[in-house]
Amino acid sequence: LEQKESHLASALEALSHHSSFALLGKPGSGKSTFVTYVALSLAEAGLGLADADERLGKEWARGSLLPVRVVLRHFAASEHLREGRAGELWQFIAGELSKMGLPEKAGEMFREIALKSGALFLLDGLDEAGDLKRRALALKAVIELMSGAGDGNRFLITARPYAWEDAEQKIAQVPFYPLAEFDDDQIETFIARWYAAITAAGWAVSAVEDKTKSLQGAAIGSLNVLARNPLLLTLMATLHTNRGRLPDDRADLYDDVIELLLQRWNEAIDADKGLLDDLGVAGLRLADFRAKIEQLAFDAHEANVGQDGVAD
């Protein structure tokens, strides 16, 4: 087999280099965050905001393309998807623009701009586009759109790896890249910038430097496996900011994170009773079920090995 050189590259570099490609990643790896970041930056650049061009930086060399963001799970669940045609995807885009309060002609204008000047289609969450049948229909519409949209258009598809494996034979011409996890340097940088950002936003956080070092120590140490995932690191940082510490045990960490999120959700909706209280399991803790969970995981592992000799 031909040997090819590979290197780590930013997602922006890959997006600028390829007219179309798929970004694959685990849950919480940052796929949708990247899509939203690019869409917002391009929209602001199109409005002439200088900061947007600076934020995209030199890695983006495609100018102020019109960003067209499509959440594929919404498209798959819509009445527009029937036969998997590109026209159905355009109808869905027009409908979404109309929901935002834009004139009915906005969808037609988007299509004209894409055909004449080009656009960047950000197709997010192939794995969430319903069951296999709906996902195949949504993918069929995407493929037809890609083949007939014109040379000036660019495409990014995001998905979890398993969904792309199902689709790979259909769009083998589209390169795909796995989204890398955070390394230790990125974890430390994220935490330093986290505390800098919340301080700049006016949060009264005491001993910021000590808290920064404390969280960095935990994230590089006993909780390093979890901290490599951007979403889990964000949850860890949120918990650490509110409580000033992190538990060493993973199950306890999940417990505390869920408790914090439920507390914030209750405050946001002005609820006088917690969700777990409503469900009648106010004392629920993940740690209480650790043995049962481990047994279930072991049983599933043994069943899988027994079937094909290979552990998943």
C-alpha atoms as a PDB file:
ATOM      1  CA  LEU A   1       0.000   0.000   0.000  1.00  0.00           C
ATOM      2  CA  GLU A   2       1.108   3.523  -0.729  1.00  0.00           C
ATOM      3  CA  GLN A   3       2.467   5.265   2.342  1.00  0.00           C
ATOM      4  CA  LYS A   4       1.224   8.787   2.918  1.00  0.00           C
ATOM      5  CA  GLU A   5       2.544  11.404   5.283  1.00  0.00           C
ATOM      6  CA  SER A   6       0.039  12.752   7.783  1.00  0.00           C
ATOM      7  CA  HIS A   7       0.052  15.545  10.332  1.00  0.00           C
ATOM      8  CA  LEU A   8      -2.258  17.226  12.790  1.00  0.00           C
ATOM      9  CA  ALA A   9      -4.094  20.146  11.232  1.00  0.00           C
ATOM     10  CA  SER A  10      -6.722  22.543  12.453  1.00  0.00           C
ATOM     11  CA  ALA A  11     -10.277  21.923  11.308  1.00  0.00           C
ATOM     12  CA  LEU A  12     -10.237  25.359   9.657  1.00  0.00           C
ATOM     13  CA  GLU A  13      -7.179  24.395   7.606  1.00  0.00           C
ATOM     14  CA  ALA A  14      -8.906  21.227   6.389  1.00  0.00           C
ATOM     15  CA  LEU A  15     -12.121  23.132   5.636  1.00  0.00           C
ATOM     16  CA  SER A  16     -10.208  25.691   3.605  1.00  0.00           C
ATOM     17  CA  HIS A  17      -8.211  23.034   1.747  1.00  0.00           C
ATOM     18  CA  HIS A  18     -11.071  20.719   0.685  1.00  0.00           C
ATOM     19  CA  SER A  19     -14.154  21.657  -1.287  1.00  0.00           C
ATOM     20  CA  SER A  20     -15.956  18.964   0.665  1.00  0.00           C
ATOM     21  CA  PHE A  21     -15.057  16.774   3.611  1.00  0.00           C
ATOM     22  CA  ALA A  22     -16.505  15.060   6.648  1.00  0.00           C
ATOM     23  CA  LEU A  23     -15.492  15.860  10.201  1.00  0.00           C
ATOM     24  CA  LEU A  24     -15.891  12.834  12.459  1.00  0.00           C
ATOM     25  CA  GLY A  25     -15.869  12.913  16.237  1.00  0.00           C
ATOM     26  CA  LYS A  26     -17.159  11.358  19.401  1.00  0.00           C
ATOM     27  CA  PRO A  27     -19.991  12.942  21.415  1.00  0.00           C
ATOM     28  CA  GLY A  28     -18.802  16.197  22.942  1.00  0.00           C
ATOM     29  CA  SER A  29     -15.724  16.437  20.733  1.00  0.00           C
ATOM     30  CA  GLY A  30     -16.716  19.849  19.342  1.00  0.00           C
ATOM     31  CA  LYS A  31     -18.248  19.133  15.921  1.00  0.00           C
ATOM     32  CA  SER A  32     -21.354  21.300  16.320  1.00  0.00           C
ATOM     33  CA  THR A  33     -19.391  23.970  18.175  1.00  0.00           C
ATOM     34  CA  PHE A  34     -17.016  24.207  15.215  1.00  0.00           C
ATOM     35  CA  VAL A  35     -19.916  24.449  12.752  1.00  0.00           C
ATOM     36  CA  THR A  36     -21.543  27.237  14.768  1.00  0.00           C
ATOM     37  CA  TYR A  37     -18.207  29.038  15.144  1.00  0.00           C
ATOM     38  CA  VAL A  38     -17.567  29.012  11.393  1.00  0.00           C
ATOM     39  CA  ALA A  39     -21.144  30.025  10.512  1.00  0.00           C
ATOM     40  CA  LEU A  40     -21.120  32.958  12.931  1.00  0.00           C
ATOM     41  CA  SER A  41     -17.660  34.116  11.839  1.00  0.00           C
ATOM     42  CA  LEU A  42     -18.546  34.033   8.141  1.00  0.00           C
ATOM     43  CA  ALA A  43     -21.872  35.795   8.748  1.00  0.00           C
ATOM     44  CA  GLU A  44     -20.107  38.572  10.651  1.00  0.00           C
ATOM     45  CA  ALA A  45     -17.379  38.773   7.998  1.00  0.00           C
ATOM     46  CA  GLY A  46     -20.093  39.159   5.371  1.00  0.00           C
ATOM     47  CA  LEU A  47     -21.411  42.126   7.355  1.00  0.00           C
ATOM     48  CA  GLY A  48     -17.972  43.696   7.257  1.00  0.00           C
ATOM     49  CA  LEU A  49     -17.011  43.188  10.900  1.00  0.00           C
ATOM     50  CA  ALA A  50     -13.219  43.239  11.064  1.00  0.00           C
ATOM     51  CA  ASP A  51     -13.006  41.021  14.134  1.00  0.00           C
ATOM     52  CA  ALA A  52     -14.603  38.152  12.200  1.00  0.00           C
ATOM     53  CA  ASP A  53     -11.803  38.052   9.604  1.00  0.00           C
ATOM     54  CA  GLU A  54      -9.216  38.160  12.368  1.00  0.00           C
ATOM     55  CA  ARG A  55     -10.959  35.342  14.209  1.00  0.00           C
ATOM     56  CA  LEU A  56     -10.908  33.082  11.149  1.00  0.00           C
ATOM     57  CA  GLY A  57      -7.256  33.982  10.588  1.00  0.00           C
ATOM     58  CA  LYS A  58      -4.889  33.083   7.778  1.00  0.00           C
ATOM     59  CA  GLU A  59      -5.947  29.428   7.754  1.00  0.00           C
ATOM     60  CA  TRP A  60      -9.236  30.413   6.085  1.00  0.00           C
ATOM     61  CA  ALA A  61      -8.479  31.478   2.511  1.00  0.00           C
ATOM     62  CA  ARG A  62     -11.951  31.316   0.945  1.00  0.00           C
ATOM     63  CA  GLY A  63     -13.287  34.790   1.688  1.00  0.00           C
ATOM     64  CA  SER A  64     -16.725  35.714   2.998  1.00  0.00           C
ATOM     65  CA  LEU A  65     -18.695  32.758   1.677  1.00  0.00           C
ATOM     66  CA  LEU A  66     -22.368  32.684   2.543  1.00  0.00           C
ATOM     67  CA  PRO A  67     -22.742  30.201   5.436  1.00  0.00           C
ATOM     68  CA  VAL A  68     -25.713  27.854   5.109  1.00  0.00           C
ATOM     69  CA  ARG A  69     -26.072  25.847   8.322  1.00  0.00           C
ATOM     70  CA  VAL A  70     -28.351  22.808   8.230  1.00  0.00           C
ATOM     71  CA  VAL A  71     -29.092  20.707  11.312  1.00  0.00           C
ATOM     72  CA  LEU A  72     -29.626  17.329   9.672  1.00  0.00           C
ATOM     73  CA  ARG A  73     -31.797  15.897  12.446  1.00  0.00           C
ATOM     74  CA  HIS A  74     -34.291  18.715  11.839  1.00  0.00           C
ATOM     75  CA  PHE A  75     -34.193  18.112   8.104  1.00  0.00           C
ATOM     76  CA  ALA A  76     -34.710  14.363   8.587  1.00  0.00           C
ATOM     77  CA  ALA A  77     -37.696  14.990  10.855  1.00  0.00           C
ATOM     78  CA  SER A  78     -39.313  17.542   8.544  1.00  0.00           C
ATOM     79  CA  GLU A  79     -42.147  17.035   6.095  1.00  0.00           C
ATOM     80  CA  HIS A  80     -39.848  18.179   3.282  1.00  0.00           C
ATOM     81  CA  LEU A  81     -37.784  14.982   3.217  1.00  0.00           C
ATOM     82  CA  ARG A  82     -39.647  12.448   1.089  1.00  0.00           C
ATOM     83  CA  GLU A  83     -37.467  11.029  -1.698  1.00  0.00           C
ATOM     84  CA  GLY A  84     -34.014  12.326  -0.824  1.00  0.00           C
ATOM     85  CA  ARG A  85     -33.771  15.080  -3.431  1.00  0.00           C
ATOM     86  CA  ALA A  86     -31.716  18.269  -3.332  1.00  0.00           C
ATOM     87  CA  GLY A  87     -34.872  20.309  -3.923  1.00  0.00           C
ATOM     88  CA  GLU A  88     -36.287  18.987  -0.665  1.00  0.00           C
ATOM     89  CA  LEU A  89     -33.218  20.248   1.170  1.00  0.00           C
ATOM     90  CA  TRP A  90     -33.650  23.672  -0.425  1.00  0.00           C
ATOM     91  CA  GLN A  91     -37.305  23.697   0.629  1.00  0.00           C
ATOM     92  CA  PHE A  92     -36.250  22.909   4.186  1.00  0.00           C
ATOM     93  CA  ILE A  93     -33.662  25.729   4.169  1.00  0.00           C
ATOM     94  CA  ALA A  94     -36.285  28.163   2.884  1.00  0.00           C
ATOM     95  CA  GLY A  95     -38.685  27.026   5.600  1.00  0.00           C
ATOM     96  CA  GLU A  96     -36.060  27.538   8.315  1.00  0.00           C
ATOM     97  CA  LEU A  97     -35.344  31.062   7.057  1.00  0.00           C
ATOM     98  CA  SER A  98     -39.055  31.811   7.077  1.00  0.00           C
ATOM     99  CA  LYS A  99     -39.299  30.637  10.709  1.00  0.00           C
ATOM    100  CA  MET A 100     -36.645  33.215  11.567  1.00  0.00           C
ATOM    101  CA  GLY A 101     -38.899  35.968  10.277  1.00  0.00           C
ATOM    102  CA  LEU A 102     -37.172  36.514   6.945  1.00  0.00           C
ATOM    103  CA  PRO A 103     -39.234  37.184   3.791  1.00  0.00           C
ATOM    104  CA  GLU A 104     -40.480  34.225   1.765  1.00  0.00           C
ATOM    105  CA  LYS A 105     -38.027  35.086  -1.015  1.00  0.00           C
ATOM    106  CA  ALA A 106     -35.046  34.608   1.306  1.00  0.00           C
ATOM    107  CA  GLY A 107     -34.726  30.936   0.409  1.00  0.00           C
ATOM    108  CA  GLU A 108     -34.709  31.736  -3.294  1.00  0.00           C
ATOM    109  CA  MET A 109     -32.114  34.456  -2.714  1.00  0.00           C
ATOM    110  CA  PHE A 110     -29.885  32.015  -0.824  1.00  0.00           C
ATOM    111  CA  ARG A 111     -30.092  29.589  -3.719  1.00  0.00           C
ATOM    112  CA  GLU A 112     -29.221  32.272  -6.269  1.00  0.00           C
ATOM    113  CA  ILE A 113     -26.226  33.427  -4.233  1.00  0.00           C
ATOM    114  CA  ALA A 114     -24.991  29.836  -3.901  1.00  0.00           C
ATOM    115  CA  LEU A 115     -25.248  29.271  -7.663  1.00  0.00           C
ATOM    116  CA  LYS A 116     -23.606  32.567  -8.627  1.00  0.00           C
ATOM    117  CA  SER A 117     -21.078  33.289  -5.886  1.00  0.00           C
ATOM    118  CA  GLY A 118     -20.819  30.091  -3.865  1.00  0.00           C
ATOM    119  CA  ALA A 119     -21.716  29.182  -0.314  1.00  0.00           C
ATOM    120  CA  LEU A 120     -20.414  27.026   2.495  1.00  0.00           C
ATOM    121  CA  PHE A 121     -22.941  24.344   3.423  1.00  0.00           C
ATOM    122  CA  LEU A 122     -22.480  23.242   7.022  1.00  0.00           C
ATOM    123  CA  LEU A 123     -24.406  19.967   7.337  1.00  0.00           C
ATOM    124  CA  ASP A 124     -24.335  19.098  10.994  1.00  0.00           C
ATOM    125  CA  GLY A 125     -25.075  15.780  12.696  1.00  0.00           C
ATOM    126  CA  LEU A 126     -25.547  13.032  10.107  1.00  0.00           C
ATOM    127  CA  ASP A 127     -25.646  10.500  12.959  1.00  0.00           C
ATOM    128  CA  GLU A 128     -28.697  12.237  14.467  1.00  0.00           C
ATOM    129  CA  ALA A 129     -30.738  12.191  11.250  1.00  0.00           C
ATOM    130  CA  GLY A 130     -33.280   9.612  12.429  1.00  0.00           C
ATOM    131  CA  ASP A 131     -33.155   5.881  11.828  1.00  0.00           C
ATOM    132  CA  LEU A 132     -31.198   4.221   9.039  1.00  0.00           C
ATOM    133  CA  LYS A 133     -33.943   4.842   6.480  1.00  0.00           C
ATOM    134  CA  ARG A 134     -34.314   8.549   7.255  1.00  0.00           C
ATOM    135  CA  ARG A 135     -30.567   8.965   7.483  1.00  0.00           C
ATOM    136  CA  ALA A 136     -30.122   7.369   4.061  1.00  0.00           C
ATOM    137  CA  LEU A 137     -32.734   9.703   2.564  1.00  0.00           C
ATOM    138  CA  ALA A 138     -31.125  12.764   4.132  1.00  0.00           C
ATOM    139  CA  LEU A 139     -27.724  11.653   2.860  1.00  0.00           C
ATOM    140  CA  LYS A 140     -29.145  11.091  -0.622  1.00  0.00           C
ATOM    141  CA  ALA A 141     -30.406  14.676  -0.667  1.00  0.00           C
ATOM    142  CA  VAL A 142     -27.024  15.939   0.492  1.00  0.00           C
ATOM    143  CA  ILE A 143     -25.200  13.991  -2.232  1.00  0.00           C
ATOM    144  CA  GLU A 144     -27.490  15.365  -4.934  1.00  0.00           C
ATOM    145  CA  LEU A 145     -26.984  18.887  -3.605  1.00  0.00           C
ATOM    146  CA  MET A 146     -23.209  18.435  -3.633  1.00  0.00           C
ATOM    147  CA  SER A 147     -23.172  17.127  -7.200  1.00  0.00           C
ATOM    148  CA  GLY A 148     -25.326  19.906  -8.650  1.00  0.00           C
ATOM    149  CA  ALA A 149     -24.542  22.998  -6.592  1.00  0.00           C
ATOM    150  CA  GLY A 150     -21.662  24.301  -8.715  1.00  0.00           C
ATOM    151  CA  ASP A 151     -17.902  24.645  -8.345  1.00  0.00           C
ATOM    152  CA  GLY A 152     -18.043  27.679  -6.071  1.00  0.00           C
ATOM    153  CA  ASN A 153     -19.732  25.810  -3.250  1.00  0.00           C
ATOM    154  CA  ARG A 154     -18.094  23.999  -0.372  1.00  0.00           C
ATOM    155  CA  PHE A 155     -19.454  21.364   1.992  1.00  0.00           C
ATOM    156  CA  LEU A 156     -18.760  20.183   5.509  1.00  0.00           C
ATOM    157  CA  ILE A 157     -20.573  17.157   6.960  1.00  0.00           C
ATOM    158  CA  THR A 158     -20.239  16.282  10.635  1.00  0.00           C
ATOM    159  CA  ALA A 159     -21.009  12.863  12.065  1.00  0.00           C
ATOM    160  CA  ARG A 160     -20.063  10.360  14.691  1.00  0.00           C
ATOM    161  CA  PRO A 161     -17.802   7.656  13.208  1.00  0.00           C
ATOM    162  CA  TYR A 162     -20.410   4.861  13.177  1.00  0.00           C
ATOM    163  CA  ALA A 163     -22.789   6.890  10.996  1.00  0.00           C
ATOM    164  CA  TRP A 164     -20.075   7.670   8.497  1.00  0.00           C
ATOM    165  CA  GLU A 165     -19.125   4.015   8.199  1.00  0.00           C
ATOM    166  CA  ASP A 166     -22.668   3.337   7.011  1.00  0.00           C
ATOM    167  CA  ALA A 167     -22.389   6.151   4.461  1.00  0.00           C
ATOM    168  CA  GLU A 168     -18.788   5.746   3.361  1.00  0.00           C
ATOM    169  CA  GLN A 169     -19.480   3.598   0.302  1.00  0.00           C
ATOM    170  CA  LYS A 170     -22.007   6.098  -1.018  1.00  0.00           C
ATOM    171  CA  ILE A 171     -19.750   9.137  -0.854  1.00  0.00           C
ATOM    172  CA  ALA A 172     -16.312   7.576  -0.980  1.00  0.00           C
ATOM    173  CA  GLN A 173     -15.003  10.599  -2.906  1.00  0.00           C
ATOM    174  CA  VAL A 174     -15.437  12.807   0.156  1.00  0.00           C
ATOM    175  CA  PRO A 175     -12.362  12.754   2.412  1.00  0.00           C
ATOM    176  CA  PHE A 176     -12.957  12.420   6.118  1.00  0.00           C
ATOM    177  CA  TYR A 177     -10.926  13.329   9.170  1.00  0.00           C
ATOM    178  CA  PRO A 178     -11.255  12.414  12.847  1.00  0.00           C
ATOM    179  CA  LEU A 179     -11.426  15.340  15.244  1.00  0.00           C
ATOM    180  CA  ALA A 180      -8.539  14.970  17.677  1.00  0.00           C
ATOM    181  CA  GLU A 181      -8.985  15.058  21.422  1.00  0.00           C
ATOM    182  CA  PHE A 182      -7.342  17.763  23.528  1.00  0.00           C
ATOM    183  CA  ASP A 183      -3.724  17.150  24.455  1.00  0.00           C
ATOM    184  CA  ASP A 184      -2.316  18.239  27.825  1.00  0.00           C
ATOM    185  CA  ASP A 185      -1.141  21.630  26.548  1.00  0.00           C
ATOM    186  CA  GLN A 186      -4.581  22.375  25.102  1.00  0.00           C
ATOM    187  CA  ILE A 187      -6.261  21.320  28.339  1.00  0.00           C
ATOM    188  CA  GLU A 188      -4.082  23.721  30.333  1.00  0.00           C
ATOM    189  CA  THR A 189      -4.670  26.515  27.806  1.00  0.00           C
ATOM    190  CA  PHE A 190      -8.441  25.950  27.874  1.00  0.00           C
ATOM    191  CA  ILE A 191      -8.526  26.155  31.674  1.00  0.00           C
ATOM    192  CA  ALA A 192      -6.362  29.296  31.786  1.00  0.00           C
ATOM    193  CA  ARG A 193      -8.563  31.010  29.215  1.00  0.00           C
ATOM    194  CA  TRP A 194     -11.723  29.781  30.958  1.00  0.00           C
ATOM    195  CA  TYR A 195     -10.874  31.550  34.180  1.00  0.00           C
ATOM    196  CA  ALA A 196      -9.594  34.609  32.291  1.00  0.00           C
ATOM    197  CA  ALA A 197     -12.874  34.809  30.357  1.00  0.00           C
ATOM    198  CA  ILE A 198     -15.211  34.491  33.319  1.00  0.00           C
ATOM    199  CA  THR A 199     -13.156  37.057  35.258  1.00  0.00           C
ATOM    200  CA  ALA A 200     -13.338  39.479  32.317  1.00  0.00           C
ATOM    201  CA  ALA A 201     -17.087  38.881  32.167  1.00  0.00           C
ATOM    202  CA  GLY A 202     -17.423  40.232  35.693  1.00  0.00           C
ATOM    203  CA  TRP A 203     -17.762  37.029  37.707  1.00  0.00           C
ATOM    204  CA  ALA A 204     -16.529  37.454  41.254  1.00  0.00           C
ATOM    205  CA  VAL A 205     -14.126  34.532  41.487  1.00  0.00           C
ATOM    206  CA  SER A 206     -11.697  34.521  44.380  1.00  0.00           C
ATOM    207  CA  ALA A 207      -8.150  33.145  44.084  1.00  0.00           C
ATOM    208  CA  VAL A 208      -8.373  32.749  40.306  1.00  0.00           C
ATOM    209  CA  GLU A 209      -4.717  31.785  39.935  1.00  0.00           C
ATOM    210  CA  ASP A 210      -4.984  29.085  42.596  1.00  0.00           C
ATOM    211  CA  LYS A 211      -8.191  27.729  41.085  1.00  0.00           C
ATOM    212  CA  THR A 212      -6.619  27.672  37.639  1.00  0.00           C
ATOM    213  CA  LYS A 213      -3.670  25.628  38.893  1.00  0.00           C
ATOM    214  CA  SER A 214      -5.959  23.367  40.928  1.00  0.00           C
ATOM    215  CA  LEU A 215      -8.171  22.516  37.946  1.00  0.00           C
ATOM    216  CA  GLN A 216      -5.176  22.074  35.656  1.00  0.00           C
ATOM    217  CA  GLY A 217      -3.673  19.632  38.130  1.00  0.00           C
ATOM    218  CA  ALA A 218      -6.851  17.539  38.279  1.00  0.00           C
ATOM    219  CA  ALA A 219      -7.366  17.634  34.510  1.00  0.00           C
ATOM    220  CA  ILE A 220      -3.805  16.570  33.756  1.00  0.00           C
ATOM    221  CA  GLY A 221      -3.830  14.026  36.583  1.00  0.00           C
ATOM    222  CA  SER A 222      -6.526  11.634  37.734  1.00  0.00           C
ATOM    223  CA  LEU A 223      -9.258  12.980  35.421  1.00  0.00           C
ATOM    224  CA  ASN A 224      -7.101  13.289  32.309  1.00  0.00           C
ATOM    225  CA  VAL A 225      -9.041  10.737  30.259  1.00  0.00           C
ATOM    226  CA  LEU A 226     -12.243  12.730  30.744  1.00  0.00           C
ATOM    227  CA  ALA A 227     -10.600  16.139  30.317  1.00  0.00           C
ATOM    228  CA  ARG A 228      -9.471  15.286  26.790  1.00  0.00           C
ATOM    229  CA  ASN A 229     -13.103  15.597  25.687  1.00  0.00           C
ATOM    230  CA  PRO A 230     -13.984  19.314  25.225  1.00  0.00           C
ATOM    231  CA  LEU A 231     -17.564  18.957  26.497  1.00  0.00           C
ATOM    232  CA  LEU A 232     -16.534  17.054  29.619  1.00  0.00           C
ATOM    233  CA  LEU A 233     -13.736  19.550  30.264  1.00  0.00           C
ATOM    234  CA  THR A 234     -16.262  22.387  29.993  1.00  0.00           C
ATOM    235  CA  LEU A 235     -18.516  20.659  32.513  1.00  0.00           C
ATOM    236  CA  MET A 236     -15.544  20.084  34.801  1.00  0.00           C
ATOM    237  CA  ALA A 237     -14.598  23.766  34.565  1.00  0.00           C
ATOM    238  CA  THR A 238     -18.184  24.842  35.281  1.00  0.00           C
ATOM    239  CA  LEU A 239     -18.333  22.605  38.332  1.00  0.00           C
ATOM    240  CA  HIS A 240     -14.931  23.736  39.563  1.00  0.00           C
ATOM    241  CA  THR A 241     -15.894  27.406  39.190  1.00  0.00           C
ATOM    242  CA  ASN A 242     -19.048  26.918  41.230  1.00  0.00           C
ATOM    243  CA  ARG A 243     -17.672  24.614  43.926  1.00  0.00           C
ATOM    244  CA  GLY A 244     -13.935  25.172  43.905  1.00  0.00           C
ATOM    245  CA  ARG A 245     -13.063  21.490  43.751  1.00  0.00           C
ATOM    246  CA  LEU A 246     -13.515  18.298  41.771  1.00  0.00           C
ATOM    247  CA  PRO A 247     -14.072  14.781  43.119  1.00  0.00           C
ATOM    248  CA  ASP A 248     -11.424  12.200  42.263  1.00  0.00           C
ATOM    249  CA  ASP A 249     -13.938   9.469  41.455  1.00  0.00           C
ATOM    250  CA  ARG A 250     -15.524   9.535  37.984  1.00  0.00           C
ATOM    251  CA  ALA A 251     -18.950   8.463  39.206  1.00  0.00           C
ATOM    252  CA  ASP A 252     -18.909  11.219  41.825  1.00  0.00           C
ATOM    253  CA  LEU A 253     -17.855  13.706  39.159  1.00  0.00           C
ATOM    254  CA  TYR A 254     -20.808  12.750  36.947  1.00  0.00           C
ATOM    255  CA  ASP A 255     -23.092  12.998  39.979  1.00  0.00           C
ATOM    256  CA  ASP A 256     -21.937  16.513  40.781  1.00  0.00           C
ATOM    257  CA  VAL A 257     -22.147  17.667  37.163  1.00  0.00           C
ATOM    258  CA  ILE A 258     -25.694  16.358  36.751  1.00  0.00           C
ATOM    259  CA  GLU A 259     -26.735  17.911  40.050  1.00  0.00           C
ATOM    260  CA  LEU A 260     -25.310  21.279  38.973  1.00  0.00           C
ATOM    261  CA  LEU A 261     -26.987  21.166  35.557  1.00  0.00           C
ATOM    262  CA  LEU A 262     -30.347  20.212  37.071  1.00  0.00           C
ATOM    263  CA  GLN A 263     -29.991  23.010  39.607  1.00  0.00           C
ATOM    264  CA  ARG A 264     -29.345  25.533  36.823  1.00  0.00           C
ATOM    265  CA  TRP A 265     -32.228  24.157  34.798  1.00  0.00           C
ATOM    266  CA  ASN A 266     -34.554  24.529  37.776  1.00  0.00           C
ATOM    267  CA  GLU A 267     -33.411  28.120  38.263  1.00  0.00           C
ATOM    268  CA  ALA A 268     -33.863  28.902  34.571  1.00  0.00           C
ATOM    269  CA  ILE A 269     -37.499  27.758  34.562  1.00  0.00           C
ATOM    270  CA  ASP A 270     -38.175  29.057  38.104  1.00  0.00           C
ATOM    271  CA  ALA A 271     -39.188  25.589  39.301  1.00  0.00           C
ATOM    272  CA  ASP A 272     -40.027  25.117  42.966  1.00  0.00           C
ATOM    273  CA  LYS A 273     -39.302  21.373  42.845  1.00  0.00           C
ATOM    274  CA  GLY A 274     -36.386  19.522  41.303  1.00  0.00           C
ATOM    275  CA  LEU A 275     -36.701  17.139  38.387  1.00  0.00           C
ATOM    276  CA  LEU A 276     -35.439  14.173  40.419  1.00  0.00           C
ATOM    277  CA  ASP A 277     -37.975  15.026  43.136  1.00  0.00           C
ATOM    278  CA  ASP A 278     -40.680  14.990  40.490  1.00  0.00           C
ATOM    279  CA  LEU A 279     -39.524  11.555  39.349  1.00  0.00           C
ATOM    280  CA  GLY A 280     -39.541  10.290  42.926  1.00  0.00           C
ATOM    281  CA  VAL A 281     -35.801   9.508  42.989  1.00  0.00           C
ATOM    282  CA  ALA A 282     -34.485  12.477  44.941  1.00  0.00           C
ATOM    283  CA  GLY A 283     -31.676  10.404  46.471  1.00  0.00           C
ATOM    284  CA  LEU A 284     -30.428   8.974  43.197  1.00  0.00           C
ATOM    285  CA  ARG A 285     -26.651   8.878  42.862  1.00  0.00           C
ATOM    286  CA  LEU A 286     -24.703   7.243  40.082  1.00  0.00           C
ATOM    287  CA  ALA A 287     -22.199   5.901  42.572  1.00  0.00           C
ATOM    288  CA  ASP A 288     -24.937   3.805  44.181  1.00  0.00           C
ATOM    289  CA  PHE A 289     -25.365   1.924  40.941  1.00  0.00           C
ATOM    290  CA  ARG A 290     -21.687   1.580  40.088  1.00  0.00           C
ATOM    291  CA  ALA A 291     -21.507  -2.157  40.787  1.00  0.00           C
ATOM    292  CA  LYS A 292     -24.602  -2.827  38.700  1.00  0.00           C
ATOM    293  CA  ILE A 293     -23.301  -0.714  35.818  1.00  0.00           C
ATOM    294  CA  GLU A 294     -19.925  -2.463  35.906  1.00  0.00           C
ATOM    295  CA  GLN A 295     -21.641  -5.862  35.863  1.00  0.00           C
ATOM    296  CA  LEU A 296     -23.783  -4.863  32.878  1.00  0.00           C
ATOM    297  CA  ALA A 297     -20.690  -3.619  31.042  1.00  0.00           C
ATOM    298  CA  PHE A 298     -18.834  -6.855  31.818  1.00  0.00           C
ATOM    299  CA  ASP A 299     -21.773  -8.962  30.606  1.00  0.00           C
ATOM    300  CA  ALA A 300     -21.981  -6.965  27.377  1.00  0.00           C
ATOM    301  CA  HIS A 301     -18.231  -7.348  26.869  1.00  0.00           C
ATOM    302  CA  GLU A 302     -18.374 -11.118  27.406  1.00  0.00           C
ATOM    303  CA  ALA A 303     -21.345 -11.472  25.050  1.00  0.00           C
ATOM    304  CA  ASN A 304     -19.520  -9.561  22.331  1.00  0.00           C
ATOM    305  CA  VAL A 305     -16.327 -11.567  22.689  1.00  0.00           C
ATOM    306  CA  GLY A 306     -18.373 -14.759  22.622  1.00  0.00           C
ATOM    307  CA  GLN A 307     -19.961 -13.796  19.305  1.00  0.00           C
ATOM    308  CA  ASP A 308     -16.919 -12.894  17.227  1.00  0.00           C
ATOM    309  CA  GLY A 309     -13.862 -13.300  19.448  1.00  0.00           C
ATOM    310  CA  VAL A 310     -13.198  -9.556  19.390  1.00  0.00           C
ATOM    311  CA  ALA A 311     -14.048  -7.156  22.201  1.00  0.00           C
ATOM    312  CA  ASP A 312     -15.682  -3.901  21.133  1.00  0.00           C
END
